[in-house]
PDB file of N, CA and C in Angstrom:
ATOM      1  N   UNK A   1     -26.354 -23.445 -27.992  1.00  0.00           N
ATOM      2  CA  UNK A   1     -26.531 -24.618 -27.022  1.00  0.00           C
ATOM      3  C   UNK A   1     -27.386 -23.762 -26.072  1.00  0.00           C
ATOM      4  N   UNK A   2     -28.432 -24.250 -24.632  1.00  0.00           N
ATOM      5  CA  UNK A   2     -28.480 -23.900 -23.544  1.00  0.00           C
ATOM      6  C   UNK A   2     -28.032 -24.541 -22.524  1.00  0.00           C
ATOM      7  N   UNK A   3     -28.379 -23.538 -21.250  1.00  0.00           N
ATOM      8  CA  UNK A   3     -27.422 -23.618 -20.476  1.00  0.00           C
ATOM      9  C   UNK A   3     -28.902 -23.977 -18.437  1.00  0.00           C
ATOM     10  N   UNK A   4     -29.484 -24.943 -18.636  1.00  0.00           N
ATOM     11  CA  UNK A   4     -30.497 -25.370 -17.566  1.00  0.00           C
ATOM     12  C   UNK A   4     -30.019 -24.999 -16.226  1.00  0.00           C
ATOM     13  N   UNK A   5     -30.086 -23.677 -15.636  1.00  0.00           N
ATOM     14  CA  UNK A   5     -29.318 -23.311 -14.349  1.00  0.00           C
ATOM     15  C   UNK A   5     -29.789 -23.421 -12.815  1.00  0.00           C
ATOM     16  N   UNK A   6     -29.652 -23.895 -11.950  1.00  0.00           N
ATOM     17  CA  UNK A   6     -30.058 -24.154 -11.091  1.00  0.00           C
ATOM     18  C   UNK A   6     -29.563 -23.225  -9.832  1.00  0.00           C
ATOM     19  N   UNK A   7     -30.505 -22.271  -8.920  1.00  0.00           N
ATOM     20  CA  UNK A   7     -29.773 -21.936  -7.769  1.00  0.00           C
ATOM     21  C   UNK A   7     -30.691 -22.706  -6.425  1.00  0.00           C
ATOM     22  N   UNK A   8     -29.829 -22.918  -5.611  1.00  0.00           N
ATOM     23  CA  UNK A   8     -30.097 -23.551  -4.672  1.00  0.00           C
ATOM     24  C   UNK A   8     -29.772 -22.445  -3.370  1.00  0.00           C
ATOM     25  N   UNK A   9     -30.422 -22.436  -2.299  1.00  0.00           N
ATOM     26  CA  UNK A   9     -29.909 -21.636  -1.092  1.00  0.00           C
ATOM     27  C   UNK A   9     -30.625 -22.943   0.236  1.00  0.00           C
ATOM     28  N   UNK A  10     -28.906 -23.684   0.522  1.00  0.00           N
ATOM     29  CA  UNK A  10     -29.208 -24.625   1.627  1.00  0.00           C
ATOM     30  C   UNK A  10     -29.464 -23.878   2.931  1.00  0.00           C
ATOM     31  N   UNK A  11     -29.785 -25.121   3.901  1.00  0.00           N
ATOM     32  CA  UNK A  11     -29.749 -24.485   5.263  1.00  0.00           C
ATOM     33  C   UNK A  11     -28.407 -24.957   6.096  1.00  0.00           C
ATOM     34  N   UNK A  12     -27.716 -24.423   6.535  1.00  0.00           N
ATOM     35  CA  UNK A  12     -26.747 -24.524   6.984  1.00  0.00           C
ATOM     36  C   UNK A  12     -26.213 -25.555   8.150  1.00  0.00           C
ATOM     37  N   UNK A  13     -27.006 -25.778   8.299  1.00  0.00           N
ATOM     38  CA  UNK A  13     -26.800 -27.483   9.104  1.00  0.00           C
ATOM     39  C   UNK A  13     -26.695 -28.779   8.439  1.00  0.00           C
ATOM     40  N   UNK A  14     -27.118 -29.050   7.022  1.00  0.00           N
ATOM     41  CA  UNK A  14     -26.883 -29.606   6.025  1.00  0.00           C
ATOM     42  C   UNK A  14     -26.189 -29.460   5.133  1.00  0.00           C
ATOM     43  N   UNK A  15     -25.759 -28.377   4.499  1.00  0.00           N
ATOM     44  CA  UNK A  15     -24.654 -27.988   3.741  1.00  0.00           C
ATOM     45  C   UNK A  15     -23.896 -28.881   3.514  1.00  0.00           C
ATOM     46  N   UNK A  16     -23.021 -29.369   4.122  1.00  0.00           N
ATOM     47  CA  UNK A  16     -21.969 -29.908   4.314  1.00  0.00           C
ATOM     48  C   UNK A  16     -22.532 -31.348   3.329  1.00  0.00           C
ATOM     49  N   UNK A  17     -23.212 -31.984   4.358  1.00  0.00           N
ATOM     50  CA  UNK A  17     -23.854 -33.250   3.540  1.00  0.00           C
ATOM     51  C   UNK A  17     -24.579 -33.478   2.363  1.00  0.00           C
ATOM     52  N   UNK A  18     -25.272 -32.090   1.887  1.00  0.00           N
ATOM     53  CA  UNK A  18     -26.322 -32.261   0.802  1.00  0.00           C
ATOM     54  C   UNK A  18     -25.413 -31.905  -0.131  1.00  0.00           C
ATOM     55  N   UNK A  19     -24.113 -30.858  -0.392  1.00  0.00           N
ATOM     56  CA  UNK A  19     -23.277 -30.838  -1.296  1.00  0.00           C
ATOM     57  C   UNK A  19     -22.325 -31.873  -1.927  1.00  0.00           C
ATOM     58  N   UNK A  20     -21.960 -32.866  -0.627  1.00  0.00           N
ATOM     59  CA  UNK A  20     -21.643 -34.323  -1.069  1.00  0.00           C
ATOM     60  C   UNK A  20     -22.437 -35.065  -2.171  1.00  0.00           C
ATOM     61  N   UNK A  21     -23.774 -35.200  -1.141  1.00  0.00           N
ATOM     62  CA  UNK A  21     -24.272 -35.570  -1.558  1.00  0.00           C
ATOM     63  C   UNK A  21     -24.618 -35.347  -3.512  1.00  0.00           C
ATOM     64  N   UNK A  22     -24.796 -34.096  -3.792  1.00  0.00           N
ATOM     65  CA  UNK A  22     -25.178 -33.575  -4.943  1.00  0.00           C
ATOM     66  C   UNK A  22     -23.960 -33.743  -6.163  1.00  0.00           C
ATOM     67  N   UNK A  23     -23.029 -33.640  -5.222  1.00  0.00           N
ATOM     68  CA  UNK A  23     -22.020 -34.436  -6.348  1.00  0.00           C
ATOM     69  C   UNK A  23     -21.736 -35.674  -6.149  1.00  0.00           C
ATOM     70  N   UNK A  24     -22.100 -36.250  -5.420  1.00  0.00           N
ATOM     71  CA  UNK A  24     -21.794 -38.339  -5.629  1.00  0.00           C
ATOM     72  C   UNK A  24     -22.920 -38.853  -6.538  1.00  0.00           C
ATOM     73  N   UNK A  25     -23.807 -38.156  -5.986  1.00  0.00           N
ATOM     74  CA  UNK A  25     -25.616 -38.809  -6.327  1.00  0.00           C
ATOM     75  C   UNK A  25     -26.028 -37.925  -7.631  1.00  0.00           C
ATOM     76  N   UNK A  26     -26.107 -36.675  -6.942  1.00  0.00           N
ATOM     77  CA  UNK A  26     -27.488 -36.366  -7.706  1.00  0.00           C
ATOM     78  C   UNK A  26     -26.909 -35.638  -9.218  1.00  0.00           C
ATOM     79  N   UNK A  27     -25.837 -35.277  -9.042  1.00  0.00           N
ATOM     80  CA  UNK A  27     -25.266 -34.584 -10.438  1.00  0.00           C
ATOM     81  C   UNK A  27     -24.973 -35.725 -11.708  1.00  0.00           C
ATOM     82  N   UNK A  28     -24.119 -37.033 -11.120  1.00  0.00           N
ATOM     83  CA  UNK A  28     -24.014 -38.163 -11.760  1.00  0.00           C
ATOM     84  C   UNK A  28     -25.712 -38.443 -12.430  1.00  0.00           C
ATOM     85  N   UNK A  29     -27.078 -38.469 -11.874  1.00  0.00           N
ATOM     86  CA  UNK A  29     -27.515 -38.858 -12.230  1.00  0.00           C
ATOM     87  C   UNK A  29     -28.519 -37.994 -13.811  1.00  0.00           C
ATOM     88  N   UNK A  30     -27.859 -36.899 -13.138  1.00  0.00           N
ATOM     89  CA  UNK A  30     -28.594 -35.840 -13.881  1.00  0.00           C
ATOM     90  C   UNK A  30     -27.300 -36.197 -15.358  1.00  0.00           C
ATOM     91  N   UNK A  31     -26.347 -36.542 -15.843  1.00  0.00           N
ATOM     92  CA  UNK A  31     -25.324 -36.454 -16.045  1.00  0.00           C
ATOM     93  C   UNK A  31     -25.503 -37.720 -16.935  1.00  0.00           C
ATOM     94  N   UNK A  32     -26.232 -38.911 -16.593  1.00  0.00           N
ATOM     95  CA  UNK A  32     -26.826 -40.215 -17.207  1.00  0.00           C
ATOM     96  C   UNK A  32     -27.497 -40.507 -17.844  1.00  0.00           C
ATOM     97  N   UNK A  33     -28.487 -39.443 -17.669  1.00  0.00           N
ATOM     98  CA  UNK A  33     -29.426 -39.256 -19.501  1.00  0.00           C
ATOM     99  C   UNK A  33     -28.936 -39.033 -19.862  1.00  0.00           C
ATOM    100  N   UNK A  34     -27.709 -39.153 -20.473  1.00  0.00           N
ATOM    101  CA  UNK A  34     -27.312 -38.524 -21.684  1.00  0.00           C
ATOM    102  C   UNK A  34     -27.506 -37.568 -22.805  1.00  0.00           C
ATOM    103  N   UNK A  35     -28.076 -36.388 -21.994  1.00  0.00           N
ATOM    104  CA  UNK A  35     -28.725 -35.230 -22.726  1.00  0.00           C
ATOM    105  C   UNK A  35     -27.648 -34.004 -22.193  1.00  0.00           C
ATOM    106  N   UNK A  36     -26.548 -33.970 -21.284  1.00  0.00           N
ATOM    107  CA  UNK A  36     -26.093 -33.109 -21.019  1.00  0.00           C
ATOM    108  C   UNK A  36     -24.975 -33.113 -21.574  1.00  0.00           C
ATOM    109  N   UNK A  37     -24.684 -31.889 -21.909  1.00  0.00           N
ATOM    110  CA  UNK A  37     -23.339 -31.694 -22.329  1.00  0.00           C
ATOM    111  C   UNK A  37     -21.771 -31.457 -21.125  1.00  0.00           C
ATOM    112  N   UNK A  38     -22.215 -30.462 -20.274  1.00  0.00           N
ATOM    113  CA  UNK A  38     -21.720 -30.886 -19.453  1.00  0.00           C
ATOM    114  C   UNK A  38     -22.375 -30.291 -17.987  1.00  0.00           C
ATOM    115  N   UNK A  39     -21.583 -29.885 -17.389  1.00  0.00           N
ATOM    116  CA  UNK A  39     -22.326 -29.745 -15.804  1.00  0.00           C
ATOM    117  C   UNK A  39     -21.298 -28.969 -15.252  1.00  0.00           C
ATOM    118  N   UNK A  40     -21.663 -28.075 -14.336  1.00  0.00           N
ATOM    119  CA  UNK A  40     -20.467 -27.039 -12.956  1.00  0.00           C
ATOM    120  C   UNK A  40     -21.513 -26.208 -11.918  1.00  0.00           C
ATOM    121  N   UNK A  41     -20.665 -26.738 -11.165  1.00  0.00           N
ATOM    122  CA  UNK A  41     -21.093 -26.027  -9.760  1.00  0.00           C
ATOM    123  C   UNK A  41     -20.399 -25.151  -9.404  1.00  0.00           C
ATOM    124  N   UNK A  42     -21.277 -23.612  -9.294  1.00  0.00           N
ATOM    125  CA  UNK A  42     -20.598 -22.730  -8.403  1.00  0.00           C
ATOM    126  C   UNK A  42     -20.839 -22.335  -7.358  1.00  0.00           C
ATOM    127  N   UNK A  43     -21.160 -21.714  -6.155  1.00  0.00           N
ATOM    128  CA  UNK A  43     -20.593 -21.199  -4.573  1.00  0.00           C
ATOM    129  C   UNK A  43     -20.387 -20.077  -4.753  1.00  0.00           C
ATOM    130  N   UNK A  44     -21.660 -18.981  -4.542  1.00  0.00           N
ATOM    131  CA  UNK A  44     -22.035 -17.748  -4.349  1.00  0.00           C
ATOM    132  C   UNK A  44     -20.959 -17.134  -3.225  1.00  0.00           C
ATOM    133  N   UNK A  45     -20.395 -16.115  -3.752  1.00  0.00           N
ATOM    134  CA  UNK A  45     -18.928 -15.544  -2.582  1.00  0.00           C
ATOM    135  C   UNK A  45     -19.920 -14.334  -2.295  1.00  0.00           C
ATOM    136  N   UNK A  46     -21.383 -13.812  -2.391  1.00  0.00           N
ATOM    137  CA  UNK A  46     -21.606 -12.803  -2.286  1.00  0.00           C
ATOM    138  C   UNK A  46     -23.323 -13.353  -1.117  1.00  0.00           C
ATOM    139  N   UNK A  47     -23.690 -14.581  -1.563  1.00  0.00           N
ATOM    140  CA  UNK A  47     -25.413 -14.766  -0.203  1.00  0.00           C
ATOM    141  C   UNK A  47     -24.683 -16.228   0.361  1.00  0.00           C
ATOM    142  N   UNK A  48     -24.633 -16.452   1.521  1.00  0.00           N
ATOM    143  CA  UNK A  48     -24.071 -17.651   2.151  1.00  0.00           C
ATOM    144  C   UNK A  48     -24.836 -18.759   1.944  1.00  0.00           C
ATOM    145  N   UNK A  49     -24.261 -19.408   1.771  1.00  0.00           N
ATOM    146  CA  UNK A  49     -25.264 -21.179   1.740  1.00  0.00           C
ATOM    147  C   UNK A  49     -25.930 -21.038   0.011  1.00  0.00           C
ATOM    148  N   UNK A  50     -25.576 -20.292  -1.056  1.00  0.00           N
ATOM    149  CA  UNK A  50     -25.783 -20.280  -2.582  1.00  0.00           C
ATOM    150  C   UNK A  50     -25.123 -20.916  -3.231  1.00  0.00           C
ATOM    151  N   UNK A  51     -25.865 -21.914  -4.125  1.00  0.00           N
ATOM    152  CA  UNK A  51     -24.960 -22.443  -4.998  1.00  0.00           C
ATOM    153  C   UNK A  51     -25.878 -22.419  -6.502  1.00  0.00           C
ATOM    154  N   UNK A  52     -25.172 -22.401  -7.514  1.00  0.00           N
ATOM    155  CA  UNK A  52     -25.326 -22.276  -8.764  1.00  0.00           C
ATOM    156  C   UNK A  52     -25.178 -23.968  -9.538  1.00  0.00           C
ATOM    157  N   UNK A  53     -26.342 -24.509 -10.025  1.00  0.00           N
ATOM    158  CA  UNK A  53     -25.677 -25.870 -10.472  1.00  0.00           C
ATOM    159  C   UNK A  53     -26.491 -25.979 -12.550  1.00  0.00           C
ATOM    160  N   UNK A  54     -25.330 -25.648 -13.319  1.00  0.00           N
ATOM    161  CA  UNK A  54     -25.474 -25.185 -14.450  1.00  0.00           C
ATOM    162  C   UNK A  54     -25.041 -26.356 -15.361  1.00  0.00           C
ATOM    163  N   UNK A  55     -26.184 -26.554 -16.183  1.00  0.00           N
ATOM    164  CA  UNK A  55     -26.013 -27.760 -16.932  1.00  0.00           C
ATOM    165  C   UNK A  55     -26.593 -27.747 -18.777  1.00  0.00           C
ATOM    166  N   UNK A  56     -25.309 -27.690 -19.567  1.00  0.00           N
ATOM    167  CA  UNK A  56     -25.258 -27.229 -20.869  1.00  0.00           C
ATOM    168  C   UNK A  56     -26.303 -28.357 -21.743  1.00  0.00           C
ATOM    169  N   UNK A  57     -26.748 -28.441 -22.547  1.00  0.00           N
ATOM    170  CA  UNK A  57     -27.297 -28.852 -23.504  1.00  0.00           C
ATOM    171  C   UNK A  57     -27.249 -28.696 -24.615  1.00  0.00           C
ATOM    172  N   UNK A  58     -27.253 -29.833 -25.864  1.00  0.00           N
ATOM    173  CA  UNK A  58     -26.875 -29.079 -27.107  1.00  0.00           C
ATOM    174  C   UNK A  58     -27.734 -28.437 -28.158  1.00  0.00           C
ATOM    175  N   UNK A  59     -29.068 -28.066 -27.125  1.00  0.00           N
ATOM    176  CA  UNK A  59     -30.044 -27.843 -27.798  1.00  0.00           C
ATOM    177  C   UNK A  59     -31.552 -27.387 -27.036  1.00  0.00           C
ATOM    178  N   UNK A  60     -32.259 -26.848 -27.359  1.00  0.00           N
ATOM    179  CA  UNK A  60     -33.895 -27.170 -26.523  1.00  0.00           C
ATOM    180  C   UNK A  60     -34.425 -28.360 -26.369  1.00  0.00           C
ATOM    181  N   UNK A  61     -34.408 -29.065 -27.541  1.00  0.00           N
ATOM    182  CA  UNK A  61     -35.077 -30.312 -27.447  1.00  0.00           C
ATOM    183  C   UNK A  61     -34.389 -30.605 -27.163  1.00  0.00           C
ATOM    184  N   UNK A  62     -33.112 -31.361 -26.520  1.00  0.00           N
ATOM    185  CA  UNK A  62     -32.320 -31.995 -25.633  1.00  0.00           C
ATOM    186  C   UNK A  62     -33.072 -31.900 -24.107  1.00  0.00           C
ATOM    187  N   UNK A  63     -33.276 -30.237 -24.093  1.00  0.00           N
ATOM    188  CA  UNK A  63     -33.610 -29.593 -23.255  1.00  0.00           C
ATOM    189  C   UNK A  63     -35.169 -30.313 -22.743  1.00  0.00           C
ATOM    190  N   UNK A  64     -36.082 -29.922 -23.355  1.00  0.00           N
ATOM    191  CA  UNK A  64     -37.564 -30.431 -23.409  1.00  0.00           C
ATOM    192  C   UNK A  64     -37.540 -32.084 -23.510  1.00  0.00           C
ATOM    193  N   UNK A  65     -36.882 -32.843 -23.528  1.00  0.00           N
ATOM    194  CA  UNK A  65     -36.372 -34.556 -23.691  1.00  0.00           C
ATOM    195  C   UNK A  65     -36.407 -34.909 -21.821  1.00  0.00           C
ATOM    196  N   UNK A  66     -35.288 -34.356 -21.699  1.00  0.00           N
ATOM    197  CA  UNK A  66     -35.005 -34.217 -20.164  1.00  0.00           C
ATOM    198  C   UNK A  66     -36.313 -33.847 -19.037  1.00  0.00           C
ATOM    199  N   UNK A  67     -37.152 -32.809 -19.581  1.00  0.00           N
ATOM    200  CA  UNK A  67     -37.684 -32.115 -18.938  1.00  0.00           C
ATOM    201  C   UNK A  67     -38.974 -33.415 -18.841  1.00  0.00           C
ATOM    202  N   UNK A  68     -39.539 -33.322 -20.021  1.00  0.00           N
ATOM    203  CA  UNK A  68     -40.898 -34.980 -20.182  1.00  0.00           C
ATOM    204  C   UNK A  68     -39.609 -36.344 -19.506  1.00  0.00           C
ATOM    205  N   UNK A  69     -39.296 -36.658 -19.774  1.00  0.00           N
ATOM    206  CA  UNK A  69     -38.450 -37.950 -19.576  1.00  0.00           C
ATOM    207  C   UNK A  69     -37.961 -37.853 -18.029  1.00  0.00           C
ATOM    208  N   UNK A  70     -36.920 -37.217 -17.448  1.00  0.00           N
ATOM    209  CA  UNK A  70     -36.304 -37.630 -16.404  1.00  0.00           C
ATOM    210  C   UNK A  70     -36.522 -36.351 -15.139  1.00  0.00           C
ATOM    211  N   UNK A  71     -36.754 -34.887 -15.355  1.00  0.00           N
ATOM    212  CA  UNK A  71     -36.737 -33.848 -15.036  1.00  0.00           C
ATOM    213  C   UNK A  71     -37.896 -34.652 -13.279  1.00  0.00           C
ATOM    214  N   UNK A  72     -39.261 -34.781 -13.552  1.00  0.00           N
ATOM    215  CA  UNK A  72     -39.961 -35.283 -12.015  1.00  0.00           C
ATOM    216  C   UNK A  72     -39.540 -35.395 -11.222  1.00  0.00           C
ATOM    217  N   UNK A  73     -38.522 -37.227 -12.112  1.00  0.00           N
ATOM    218  CA  UNK A  73     -38.308 -37.772 -11.221  1.00  0.00           C
ATOM    219  C   UNK A  73     -36.978 -37.440 -10.208  1.00  0.00           C
ATOM    220  N   UNK A  74     -35.933 -36.576 -11.222  1.00  0.00           N
ATOM    221  CA  UNK A  74     -35.016 -36.090 -11.037  1.00  0.00           C
ATOM    222  C   UNK A  74     -34.623 -34.812  -9.721  1.00  0.00           C
ATOM    223  N   UNK A  75     -36.432 -33.695  -9.907  1.00  0.00           N
ATOM    224  CA  UNK A  75     -36.254 -32.895  -8.939  1.00  0.00           C
ATOM    225  C   UNK A  75     -37.503 -33.200  -7.635  1.00  0.00           C
ATOM    226  N   UNK A  76     -38.037 -34.629  -7.750  1.00  0.00           N
ATOM    227  CA  UNK A  76     -38.024 -35.355  -6.224  1.00  0.00           C
ATOM    228  C   UNK A  76     -37.245 -35.294  -5.798  1.00  0.00           C
ATOM    229  N   UNK A  77     -36.239 -36.269  -6.245  1.00  0.00           N
ATOM    230  CA  UNK A  77     -34.830 -37.445  -5.293  1.00  0.00           C
ATOM    231  C   UNK A  77     -34.134 -36.292  -4.190  1.00  0.00           C
ATOM    232  N   UNK A  78     -33.892 -34.716  -4.733  1.00  0.00           N
ATOM    233  CA  UNK A  78     -33.211 -34.237  -3.820  1.00  0.00           C
ATOM    234  C   UNK A  78     -34.309 -33.874  -2.452  1.00  0.00           C
ATOM    235  N   UNK A  79     -35.240 -34.069  -2.463  1.00  0.00           N
ATOM    236  CA  UNK A  79     -36.590 -33.656  -1.636  1.00  0.00           C
ATOM    237  C   UNK A  79     -37.236 -34.730  -0.740  1.00  0.00           C
ATOM    238  N   UNK A  80     -37.090 -36.095  -1.832  1.00  0.00           N
ATOM    239  CA  UNK A  80     -36.878 -37.616  -0.626  1.00  0.00           C
ATOM    240  C   UNK A  80     -35.842 -37.389   0.251  1.00  0.00           C
ATOM    241  N   UNK A  81     -34.462 -36.999   0.017  1.00  0.00           N
ATOM    242  CA  UNK A  81     -33.323 -37.409   0.904  1.00  0.00           C
ATOM    243  C   UNK A  81     -33.388 -35.783   2.090  1.00  0.00           C
ATOM    244  N   UNK A  82     -33.576 -34.710   1.338  1.00  0.00           N
ATOM    245  CA  UNK A  82     -33.403 -33.531   2.662  1.00  0.00           C
ATOM    246  C   UNK A  82     -34.660 -32.709   3.005  1.00  0.00           C
ATOM    247  N   UNK A  83     -35.854 -33.095   2.192  1.00  0.00           N
ATOM    248  CA  UNK A  83     -37.212 -32.231   2.893  1.00  0.00           C
ATOM    249  C   UNK A  83     -37.194 -30.957   2.125  1.00  0.00           C
ATOM    250  N   UNK A  84     -37.277 -29.853   3.083  1.00  0.00           N
ATOM    251  CA  UNK A  84     -37.698 -28.878   2.968  1.00  0.00           C
ATOM    252  C   UNK A  84     -36.524 -27.826   3.389  1.00  0.00           C
ATOM    253  N   UNK A  85     -34.947 -28.188   3.401  1.00  0.00           N
ATOM    254  CA  UNK A  85     -34.004 -27.850   4.321  1.00  0.00           C
ATOM    255  C   UNK A  85     -33.541 -27.023   2.667  1.00  0.00           C
ATOM    256  N   UNK A  86     -34.034 -27.130   1.798  1.00  0.00           N
ATOM    257  CA  UNK A  86     -33.444 -26.119   0.484  1.00  0.00           C
ATOM    258  C   UNK A  86     -34.653 -25.846  -0.208  1.00  0.00           C
ATOM    259  N   UNK A  87     -33.967 -24.442  -0.762  1.00  0.00           N
ATOM    260  CA  UNK A  87     -35.322 -24.155  -2.430  1.00  0.00           C
ATOM    261  C   UNK A  87     -34.429 -23.600  -2.893  1.00  0.00           C
ATOM    262  N   UNK A  88     -35.381 -24.203  -4.216  1.00  0.00           N
ATOM    263  CA  UNK A  88     -34.542 -24.683  -5.460  1.00  0.00           C
ATOM    264  C   UNK A  88     -35.413 -23.691  -6.642  1.00  0.00           C
ATOM    265  N   UNK A  89     -34.451 -22.357  -7.660  1.00  0.00           N
ATOM    266  CA  UNK A  89     -35.167 -21.852  -8.500  1.00  0.00           C
ATOM    267  C   UNK A  89     -34.652 -22.267  -9.495  1.00  0.00           C
ATOM    268  N   UNK A  90     -34.686 -22.029 -11.006  1.00  0.00           N
ATOM    269  CA  UNK A  90     -34.289 -22.275 -12.306  1.00  0.00           C
ATOM    270  C   UNK A  90     -34.564 -21.339 -12.766  1.00  0.00           C
ATOM    271  N   UNK A  91     -33.485 -21.615 -14.005  1.00  0.00           N
ATOM    272  CA  UNK A  91     -33.449 -20.717 -15.130  1.00  0.00           C
ATOM    273  C   UNK A  91     -33.709 -21.473 -16.368  1.00  0.00           C
ATOM    274  N   UNK A  92     -33.965 -20.447 -17.836  1.00  0.00           N
ATOM    275  CA  UNK A  92     -33.055 -21.840 -19.139  1.00  0.00           C
ATOM    276  C   UNK A  92     -32.513 -20.331 -19.497  1.00  0.00           C
ATOM    277  N   UNK A  93     -31.188 -20.662 -19.750  1.00  0.00           N
ATOM    278  CA  UNK A  93     -30.813 -19.214 -20.579  1.00  0.00           C
ATOM    279  C   UNK A  93     -29.656 -20.082 -21.778  1.00  0.00           C
ATOM    280  N   UNK A  94     -29.723 -18.896 -22.601  1.00  0.00           N
ATOM    281  CA  UNK A  94     -28.948 -19.556 -24.040  1.00  0.00           C
ATOM    282  C   UNK A  94     -27.742 -18.897 -23.880  1.00  0.00           C
ATOM    283  N   UNK A  95     -27.310 -20.031 -25.158  1.00  0.00           N
ATOM    284  CA  UNK A  95     -25.674 -19.346 -25.356  1.00  0.00           C
ATOM    285  C   UNK A  95     -25.720 -18.390 -26.307  1.00  0.00           C
ATOM    286  N   UNK A  96     -25.459 -17.150 -26.610  1.00  0.00           N
ATOM    287  CA  UNK A  96     -25.443 -15.804 -27.611  1.00  0.00           C
ATOM    288  C   UNK A  96     -23.817 -16.076 -27.857  1.00  0.00           C
TER     289      UNK A  96
END
């Protein structure tokens, strides 16, 4: 199993609207690909306005299918809605 983790630091003035949109639109769009087993949203207790979105895939092959077939569109959508009011970084982790 692999975990695709996205760390997002969001500007405080849009934080509430952004988080609501992420929960109601973006995460469901990712889940609708059928490639993700489960997802989780966590908020940092150490760094203000920092969130972690974790998406579990059965295999690296499922993750690669996501990257190839869905990621460009799904990465672009939050930028279209919120512009440069957030910064995202990504990691791929393996469950051991």
